[in-house]
Amino acid sequence: MTHAIPRSRARLLLMTATAMVALTACGQPLDFDLRGGLGDFSTAEAATGVATADRPNPDARGIISYPNYQVAVAERGDTIESVAQRLGVSAPELARFNGIAPNVPLRSGEVIALPNRVAESSPATGAAGSGAIQNSGVDIDTLAGDAIDRAPETQGVRTAALPPAQTAPAPQTGDEPTRHKVERGETAYTIARLYKVPVKSLAEWNGLGSDFAIREGQFLLIPVAKQSAPATVPEASAGAAAVTQPGAGSPTPTPPSATKPLPEPESTAIATPPPKVDVGAQTKSTSDAAMVFPIDGSIIREYAKGKNEGINIKGKAGTEVKAADDGTVAAITKSADGVPIVVIRHDPELLTVYANVTDVSVKKGNQVTRGQSIAELRDGDEAYVHFEVRKGFDSVDPMPYLR
């Protein structure tokens, strides 16, 4: 069951990304999980090397129709209410389906998913063709024309030109993109890597802002890969060697196992998978653990690569948030909602991140010791800390460090 949460919690990963900006002078949007590497914190594309097609143009209403769903593209100054009024649909239902309030301003080009279909696109609505965009397939007209061109001329047959037929506009063609619903903790970068598409293309297809911010419950269209032209196969020349059928030609060699049996496989013990984190369990570090838990509380969300890059630990409001180990405060900043984020560097390849805290008691450049208080938990439902461990380019599961 999905529960509504404050917008600040849905943007938790974006908050931590804001903290990393303090570690670099780079002006481009920063990849939250630091895949560009530690030190210079490169903001290289989360996914590269994949050419994507342009998003289809909407009709005059802003509708793009696919066989399985429809989306509306917002114009400058639009809100959910204005889009709903233009399409003649329920504004509360449209807002609820997209996880956004009816009166929140939309970005120009932002994609709004429709819970129910409206009238299909047609020339009457300003579309190039009629009906939903159909998957690209074989062009029957082109094949038929090529067949006529290749056919030998027949003696004694005369043809006469026919008047042009009145045909309906051709339907639009193109592959239907995957529609992804954003979950809590996801970012544009993690979604781009999940589908192996450039984050820039993801932003262009969905009208994201320059900070690539997304919200929980938002629907994103995953860019479709650009189709390459079919490779042409040269016709075989008169002197070319004949192609043999599979299995014909050279004899099949005798495998070594036919004359000498393979050795018996060595018995190996099946590796035991690491124990799954018990969500709701109380935090308790062992005496020989590499790090200590930042607070005493209960784990309310476990680590999930690409979805939640750390663990969320809930505690009592005002609880002291402690440094997991000795280190240097590398950055202290605030999110767009004014919520502090603390980053501590423990060695050149190891960082810890403490997000969603308040009343920070340390400053950038301070040396901190293991278990030293650095901040406090916020009040109310926000009384939890998002804790991450980052090694090299990627986030890692914090639990092996804490037990």
Protein backbone atom coordinates (compact mmCIF):
# COMPACT_ATOMS: atom_id res chain seq x y z
CA MET A 1 0.00 0.00 0.00
CA THR A 2 1.42 3.39 -0.96
CA HIS A 3 1.25 6.15 1.66
CA ALA A 4 1.40 9.86 0.91
CA ILE A 5 4.55 11.46 2.27
CA PRO A 6 5.78 15.05 2.57
CA ARG A 7 7.47 16.33 -0.53
CA SER A 8 10.72 16.85 1.38
CA ARG A 9 11.00 13.12 2.07
CA ALA A 10 10.40 12.24 -1.55
CA ARG A 11 13.33 14.49 -2.45
CA LEU A 12 15.70 12.99 0.10
CA LEU A 13 18.29 11.79 -2.40
CA LEU A 14 18.23 15.14 -4.14
CA MET A 15 18.99 16.75 -0.78
CA THR A 16 22.14 14.66 -0.43
CA ALA A 17 23.17 15.55 -3.97
CA THR A 18 22.93 19.21 -2.95
CA ALA A 19 25.40 18.51 -0.16
CA MET A 20 27.96 17.19 -2.62
CA VAL A 21 27.83 20.44 -4.57
CA ALA A 22 29.69 22.04 -1.67
CA LEU A 23 32.65 19.77 -2.45
CA THR A 24 33.16 21.03 -5.98
CA ALA A 25 33.05 24.22 -8.04
CA CYS A 26 31.39 22.43 -10.94
CA GLY A 27 28.29 24.23 -12.21
CA GLN A 28 26.54 21.23 -13.77
CA PRO A 29 23.96 19.07 -11.99
CA LEU A 30 25.67 16.56 -9.69
CA ASP A 31 25.14 12.82 -9.84
CA PHE A 32 23.81 11.90 -6.41
CA ASP A 33 25.73 8.64 -6.14
CA LEU A 34 29.05 10.19 -7.21
CA ARG A 35 29.65 7.80 -10.09
CA GLY A 36 32.01 10.38 -11.54
CA GLY A 37 34.51 9.53 -8.83
CA LEU A 38 35.69 10.94 -5.54
CA GLY A 39 38.02 13.90 -5.35
CA ASP A 40 36.87 16.05 -8.26
CA PHE A 41 33.24 14.82 -8.10
CA SER A 42 32.76 14.72 -11.87
CA THR A 43 29.20 15.18 -13.03
CA ALA A 44 29.56 12.94 -16.07
CA GLU A 45 26.40 11.58 -17.63
CA ALA A 46 24.83 8.71 -15.73
CA ALA A 47 24.37 6.80 -18.98
CA THR A 48 26.09 7.50 -22.26
CA GLY A 49 26.60 5.97 -25.65
CA VAL A 50 22.90 5.29 -26.34
CA ALA A 51 21.33 7.35 -29.10
CA THR A 52 17.67 8.04 -28.44
CA ALA A 53 14.92 9.25 -30.72
CA ASP A 54 13.09 12.53 -30.20
CA ARG A 55 9.86 12.49 -28.26
CA PRO A 56 6.82 12.55 -30.58
CA ASN A 57 5.10 15.91 -30.97
CA PRO A 58 1.78 16.22 -29.11
CA ASP A 59 -1.40 17.40 -30.78
CA ALA A 60 -2.92 20.83 -30.20
CA ARG A 61 -4.38 19.66 -26.86
CA GLY A 62 -0.94 18.49 -25.71
CA ILE A 63 -1.88 14.79 -26.02
CA ILE A 64 0.48 12.00 -27.11
CA SER A 65 -1.50 8.77 -27.68
CA TYR A 66 0.05 5.31 -27.44
CA PRO A 67 -1.80 1.99 -27.71
CA ASN A 68 -1.65 1.30 -23.96
CA TYR A 69 -1.76 4.78 -22.44
CA GLN A 70 -1.92 8.51 -23.14
CA VAL A 71 0.05 11.42 -21.70
CA ALA A 72 -0.45 15.17 -21.74
CA VAL A 73 2.43 17.60 -22.26
CA ALA A 74 2.15 20.76 -20.16
CA GLU A 75 2.52 24.23 -21.61
CA ARG A 76 4.12 27.22 -19.94
CA GLY A 77 1.95 28.40 -17.05
CA ASP A 78 -0.04 25.16 -16.85
CA THR A 79 -1.22 23.48 -13.66
CA ILE A 80 -3.01 20.18 -13.20
CA GLU A 81 -6.24 22.17 -13.01
CA SER A 82 -5.68 23.92 -16.35
CA VAL A 83 -4.65 20.66 -18.06
CA ALA A 84 -7.73 18.90 -16.66
CA GLN A 85 -9.98 21.74 -17.81
CA ARG A 86 -8.48 21.66 -21.31
CA LEU A 87 -9.03 17.90 -21.58
CA GLY A 88 -12.38 17.78 -19.79
CA VAL A 89 -11.21 15.39 -17.06
CA SER A 90 -11.32 15.42 -13.25
CA ALA A 91 -8.58 17.63 -11.80
CA PRO A 92 -8.47 15.85 -8.39
CA GLU A 93 -8.18 12.44 -10.07
CA LEU A 94 -5.48 13.69 -12.44
CA ALA A 95 -3.56 15.26 -9.53
CA ARG A 96 -3.84 12.12 -7.38
CA PHE A 97 -2.69 9.88 -10.25
CA ASN A 98 0.46 12.00 -10.77
CA GLY A 99 1.26 12.65 -7.11
CA ILE A 100 1.05 16.44 -7.34
CA ALA A 101 -1.31 19.12 -6.05
CA PRO A 102 -3.79 20.58 -8.60
CA ASN A 103 -2.47 24.13 -8.29
CA VAL A 104 1.29 23.46 -8.42
CA PRO A 105 2.87 25.15 -11.49
CA LEU A 106 4.11 22.68 -14.11
CA ARG A 107 7.24 23.05 -16.21
CA SER A 108 6.85 23.64 -19.91
CA GLY A 109 7.10 20.23 -21.57
CA GLU A 110 6.43 18.27 -18.36
CA VAL A 111 4.67 14.96 -18.97
CA ILE A 112 1.39 14.28 -17.15
CA ALA A 113 0.05 10.71 -17.20
CA LEU A 114 -3.68 10.29 -17.86
CA PRO A 115 -5.54 7.77 -15.66
CA ASN A 116 -8.17 7.26 -18.40
CA ARG A 117 -8.10 7.69 -22.16
CA VAL A 118 -9.52 10.79 -23.81
CA ALA A 119 -10.42 11.23 -27.48
CA GLU A 120 -7.70 9.88 -29.76
CA SER A 121 -5.44 12.27 -31.64
CA SER A 122 -6.51 13.16 -35.16
CA PRO A 123 -6.08 15.96 -37.70
CA ALA A 124 -9.05 17.61 -36.01
CA THR A 125 -7.02 17.86 -32.78
CA GLY A 126 -3.92 19.08 -34.58
CA ALA A 127 -2.15 15.72 -34.96
CA ALA A 128 -0.32 14.59 -38.10
CA GLY A 129 -2.33 11.37 -38.27
CA SER A 130 -5.31 9.59 -36.77
CA GLY A 131 -5.37 7.25 -33.80
CA ALA A 132 -2.69 6.10 -31.37
CA ILE A 133 0.96 5.97 -32.37
CA GLN A 134 1.54 2.47 -33.73
CA ASN A 135 4.73 0.49 -33.30
CA SER A 136 7.09 0.83 -36.23
CA GLY A 137 6.71 -2.10 -38.59
CA VAL A 138 6.93 -3.09 -42.25
CA ASP A 139 5.95 -0.36 -44.70
CA ILE A 140 3.49 -2.23 -46.92
CA ASP A 141 3.33 0.55 -49.51
CA THR A 142 7.11 0.57 -49.90
CA LEU A 143 7.30 -3.23 -50.18
CA ALA A 144 4.52 -3.28 -52.77
CA GLY A 145 6.20 -0.55 -54.80
CA ASP A 146 9.53 -2.38 -54.73
CA ALA A 147 7.85 -5.60 -55.85
CA ILE A 148 6.28 -3.86 -58.83
CA ASP A 149 9.60 -2.29 -59.76
CA ARG A 150 11.34 -5.68 -59.67
CA ALA A 151 8.64 -7.49 -61.67
CA PRO A 152 9.52 -8.25 -65.35
CA GLU A 153 7.65 -6.29 -67.98
CA THR A 154 4.76 -8.20 -69.55
CA GLN A 155 4.28 -7.83 -73.29
CA GLY A 156 0.86 -6.75 -74.49
CA VAL A 157 -0.32 -5.36 -71.18
CA ARG A 158 -1.19 -1.70 -71.07
CA THR A 159 -1.74 0.29 -67.94
CA ALA A 160 -3.57 3.53 -67.39
CA ALA A 161 -3.10 6.00 -64.54
CA LEU A 162 -5.93 5.97 -62.00
CA PRO A 163 -7.17 9.09 -60.22
CA PRO A 164 -5.71 9.50 -56.72
CA ALA A 165 -7.73 7.70 -54.07
CA GLN A 166 -9.16 9.55 -51.13
CA THR A 167 -7.36 7.94 -48.20
CA ALA A 168 -7.46 8.65 -44.51
CA PRO A 169 -4.36 10.21 -42.94
CA ALA A 170 -1.72 7.63 -42.12
CA PRO A 171 -1.40 6.78 -38.41
CA GLN A 172 1.68 7.92 -36.56
CA THR A 173 4.35 5.28 -36.02
CA GLY A 174 6.98 4.82 -33.35
CA ASP A 175 7.83 2.47 -30.51
CA GLU A 176 5.80 2.87 -27.33
CA PRO A 177 8.16 3.90 -24.51
CA THR A 178 8.20 2.27 -21.10
CA ARG A 179 6.30 4.33 -18.52
CA HIS A 180 8.12 4.37 -15.17
CA LYS A 181 6.49 5.44 -11.89
CA VAL A 182 9.03 7.08 -9.58
CA GLU A 183 9.46 5.41 -6.21
CA ARG A 184 10.75 6.95 -3.00
CA GLY A 185 14.53 7.40 -3.09
CA GLU A 186 14.92 7.25 -6.88
CA THR A 187 16.65 10.00 -8.86
CA ALA A 188 16.86 10.84 -12.54
CA TYR A 189 20.38 9.38 -12.53
CA THR A 190 19.42 6.04 -11.01
CA ILE A 191 16.47 5.69 -13.39
CA ALA A 192 18.66 6.60 -16.39
CA ARG A 193 21.16 3.90 -15.37
CA LEU A 194 18.36 1.40 -14.75
CA TYR A 195 17.14 1.71 -18.36
CA LYS A 196 20.60 2.47 -19.83
CA VAL A 197 19.62 5.81 -21.39
CA PRO A 198 21.33 9.23 -21.13
CA VAL A 199 19.98 11.28 -18.23
CA LYS A 200 19.87 14.27 -20.58
CA SER A 201 17.48 12.41 -22.90
CA LEU A 202 15.36 11.40 -19.91
CA ALA A 203 15.11 15.07 -18.94
CA GLU A 204 14.25 16.19 -22.48
CA TRP A 205 11.52 13.57 -22.91
CA ASN A 206 9.88 14.49 -19.59
CA GLY A 207 10.45 18.23 -19.36
CA LEU A 208 12.66 18.01 -16.25
CA GLY A 209 14.38 21.10 -14.90
CA SER A 210 18.11 21.81 -14.97
CA ASP A 211 18.47 20.12 -11.57
CA PHE A 212 16.86 16.91 -12.92
CA ALA A 213 14.52 16.90 -9.89
CA ILE A 214 11.74 14.31 -9.87
CA ARG A 215 9.04 13.48 -7.32
CA GLU A 216 7.64 10.30 -5.84
CA GLY A 217 4.60 9.11 -7.80
CA GLN A 218 5.63 10.95 -10.97
CA PHE A 219 5.38 9.06 -14.26
CA LEU A 220 8.39 9.26 -16.59
CA LEU A 221 8.59 8.19 -20.23
CA ILE A 222 11.78 6.25 -20.89
CA PRO A 223 13.38 7.49 -24.15
CA VAL A 224 13.21 5.06 -27.05
CA ALA A 225 16.47 4.05 -28.69
CA LYS A 226 16.98 5.51 -32.14
CA GLN A 227 16.54 2.87 -34.80
CA SER A 228 19.56 2.32 -37.05
CA ALA A 229 19.13 1.96 -40.79
CA PRO A 230 19.05 -1.72 -41.84
CA ALA A 231 22.39 -2.98 -43.06
CA THR A 232 22.51 -3.73 -46.77
CA VAL A 233 23.69 -7.16 -47.80
CA PRO A 234 25.77 -7.04 -51.03
CA GLU A 235 24.69 -9.44 -53.74
CA ALA A 236 27.02 -12.37 -54.25
CA SER A 237 29.31 -11.96 -57.23
CA ALA A 238 29.60 -14.58 -59.91
CA GLY A 239 33.01 -15.66 -58.62
CA ALA A 240 32.01 -15.83 -54.95
CA ALA A 241 32.27 -19.15 -53.19
CA ALA A 242 29.02 -21.02 -52.64
CA VAL A 243 27.60 -20.83 -49.13
CA THR A 244 27.09 -24.22 -47.51
CA GLN A 245 24.14 -25.06 -45.35
CA PRO A 246 24.67 -25.32 -41.58
CA GLY A 247 26.08 -28.73 -40.68
CA ALA A 248 27.41 -29.36 -44.17
CA GLY A 249 31.00 -29.10 -45.34
CA SER A 250 33.74 -29.87 -42.82
CA PRO A 251 33.38 -32.96 -40.57
CA THR A 252 32.51 -32.49 -36.91
CA PRO A 253 35.62 -33.00 -34.71
CA THR A 254 35.53 -35.63 -32.00
CA PRO A 255 35.35 -34.02 -28.56
CA PRO A 256 38.13 -34.95 -26.11
CA SER A 257 35.56 -36.25 -23.63
CA ALA A 258 34.64 -39.01 -26.09
CA THR A 259 38.05 -40.67 -25.63
CA LYS A 260 38.99 -39.46 -22.13
CA PRO A 261 36.31 -38.90 -19.49
CA LEU A 262 36.23 -35.52 -17.78
CA PRO A 263 37.49 -35.45 -14.16
CA GLU A 264 34.93 -35.62 -11.38
CA PRO A 265 33.88 -32.12 -10.30
CA GLU A 266 35.22 -30.99 -6.96
CA SER A 267 32.61 -30.63 -4.28
CA THR A 268 32.23 -27.03 -3.20
CA ALA A 269 30.19 -25.64 -0.35
CA ILE A 270 27.30 -23.42 -1.37
CA ALA A 271 27.99 -19.87 -0.26
CA THR A 272 25.49 -18.64 2.30
CA PRO A 273 23.92 -15.34 1.21
CA PRO A 274 24.32 -12.44 3.62
CA PRO A 275 21.41 -12.08 6.03
CA LYS A 276 18.69 -9.71 4.91
CA VAL A 277 18.27 -6.54 6.93
CA ASP A 278 15.30 -6.84 9.24
CA VAL A 279 13.33 -3.66 8.66
CA GLY A 280 12.10 -2.54 12.05
CA ALA A 281 15.08 -4.03 13.91
CA GLN A 282 16.82 -1.90 16.50
CA THR A 283 20.24 -0.55 15.62
CA LYS A 284 23.06 -2.15 17.58
CA SER A 285 26.71 -2.11 16.56
CA THR A 286 29.14 -4.79 17.71
CA SER A 287 32.32 -3.82 19.56
CA ASP A 288 34.53 -4.76 16.61
CA ALA A 289 32.36 -3.08 13.91
CA ALA A 290 34.14 -0.71 11.54
CA MET A 291 31.53 1.99 12.24
CA VAL A 292 28.80 2.75 14.74
CA PHE A 293 25.17 3.49 13.95
CA PRO A 294 24.57 7.26 13.78
CA ILE A 295 21.56 6.96 16.15
CA ASP A 296 19.88 4.40 18.37
CA GLY A 297 16.59 3.61 16.70
CA SER A 298 14.87 1.27 14.25
CA ILE A 299 15.69 0.69 10.59
CA ILE A 300 12.67 1.75 8.55
CA ARG A 301 14.18 1.27 5.09
CA GLU A 302 17.02 -0.96 3.98
CA TYR A 303 19.74 -0.35 1.40
CA ALA A 304 18.70 -1.05 -2.21
CA LYS A 305 21.20 -0.22 -4.93
CA GLY A 306 19.72 2.23 -7.41
CA LYS A 307 16.63 2.87 -5.26
CA ASN A 308 17.79 3.72 -1.74
CA GLU A 309 21.53 4.37 -1.58
CA GLY A 310 21.67 4.04 2.19
CA ILE A 311 19.51 3.09 5.17
CA ASN A 312 16.84 5.14 6.97
CA ILE A 313 16.89 4.96 10.77
CA LYS A 314 14.00 6.35 12.80
CA GLY A 315 14.44 7.65 16.33
CA LYS A 316 13.05 10.15 18.82
CA ALA A 317 13.00 13.82 17.87
CA GLY A 318 16.07 15.58 19.24
CA THR A 319 18.19 12.40 19.38
CA GLU A 320 21.88 13.11 18.80
CA VAL A 321 23.21 12.04 15.40
CA LYS A 322 26.75 10.68 15.81
CA ALA A 323 29.72 10.37 13.46
CA ALA A 324 30.07 6.74 12.38
CA ASP A 325 33.87 6.89 12.65
CA ASP A 326 36.83 9.26 12.91
CA GLY A 327 37.10 11.67 10.00
CA THR A 328 36.92 15.21 8.66
CA VAL A 329 33.74 17.14 7.94
CA ALA A 330 33.91 17.52 4.15
CA ALA A 331 30.68 19.44 3.57
CA ILE A 332 27.70 20.95 5.35
CA THR A 333 24.89 22.39 3.31
CA LYS A 334 21.11 22.63 3.15
CA SER A 335 18.53 21.34 0.72
CA ALA A 336 16.06 23.57 -1.08
CA ASP A 337 13.74 22.96 1.89
CA GLY A 338 16.40 24.18 4.32
CA VAL A 339 17.18 20.71 5.74
CA PRO A 340 20.90 20.27 6.66
CA ILE A 341 23.10 17.52 5.21
CA VAL A 342 26.51 16.53 6.62
CA VAL A 343 29.25 14.69 4.71
CA ILE A 344 32.27 13.21 6.55
CA ARG A 345 35.38 11.92 4.79
CA HIS A 346 37.11 9.04 6.58
CA ASP A 347 39.85 8.37 4.04
CA PRO A 348 40.36 9.29 0.35
CA GLU A 349 38.05 6.47 -0.72
CA LEU A 350 35.43 6.46 2.05
CA LEU A 351 32.63 8.91 2.87
CA THR A 352 29.58 8.84 5.12
CA VAL A 353 26.48 10.97 4.52
CA TYR A 354 23.95 12.09 7.14
CA ALA A 355 20.80 13.59 5.57
CA ASN A 356 17.52 14.88 7.01
CA VAL A 357 19.04 16.26 10.24
CA THR A 358 18.88 19.55 12.14
CA ASP A 359 20.92 21.65 14.62
CA VAL A 360 24.30 20.75 13.14
CA SER A 361 27.01 21.20 15.80
CA VAL A 362 30.14 20.88 13.62
CA LYS A 363 31.65 22.95 10.85
CA LYS A 364 33.31 22.13 7.55
CA GLY A 365 36.94 21.12 8.13
CA ASN A 366 36.38 19.98 11.74
CA GLN A 367 38.00 16.75 12.85
CA VAL A 368 35.41 14.43 14.40
CA THR A 369 35.79 11.27 16.42
CA ARG A 370 33.85 8.04 16.37
CA GLY A 371 30.53 8.52 18.19
CA GLN A 372 30.84 12.32 18.40
CA SER A 373 27.57 14.23 18.16
CA ILE A 374 27.31 16.18 14.89
CA ALA A 375 23.57 17.02 14.68
CA GLU A 376 20.10 16.08 15.95
CA LEU A 377 16.99 14.41 14.55
CA ARG A 378 14.16 16.58 13.30
CA ASP A 379 10.72 16.76 14.89
CA GLY A 380 7.58 14.77 14.15
CA ASP A 381 7.36 12.26 11.30
CA GLU A 382 10.67 13.57 9.96
CA ALA A 383 12.59 12.14 12.94
CA TYR A 384 14.82 9.78 10.99
CA VAL A 385 18.31 9.99 9.49
CA HIS A 386 19.23 8.84 6.01
CA PHE A 387 22.72 7.31 6.38
CA GLU A 388 25.02 6.32 3.52
CA VAL A 389 28.48 4.82 3.11
CA ARG A 390 30.27 5.59 -0.15
CA LYS A 391 33.42 3.85 -1.32
CA GLY A 392 35.15 4.74 -4.54
CA PHE A 393 32.59 5.72 -7.17
CA ASP A 394 29.54 4.02 -5.69
CA SER A 395 27.41 3.73 -2.62
CA VAL A 396 27.78 0.47 -0.71
CA ASP A 397 25.60 -1.36 1.80
CA PRO A 398 26.29 0.26 5.18
CA MET A 399 25.35 -2.85 7.21
CA PRO A 400 28.70 -4.73 6.87
CA TYR A 401 30.39 -1.64 8.34
CA LEU A 402 27.93 -1.40 11.23
CA ARG A 403 27.92 -5.03 12.42
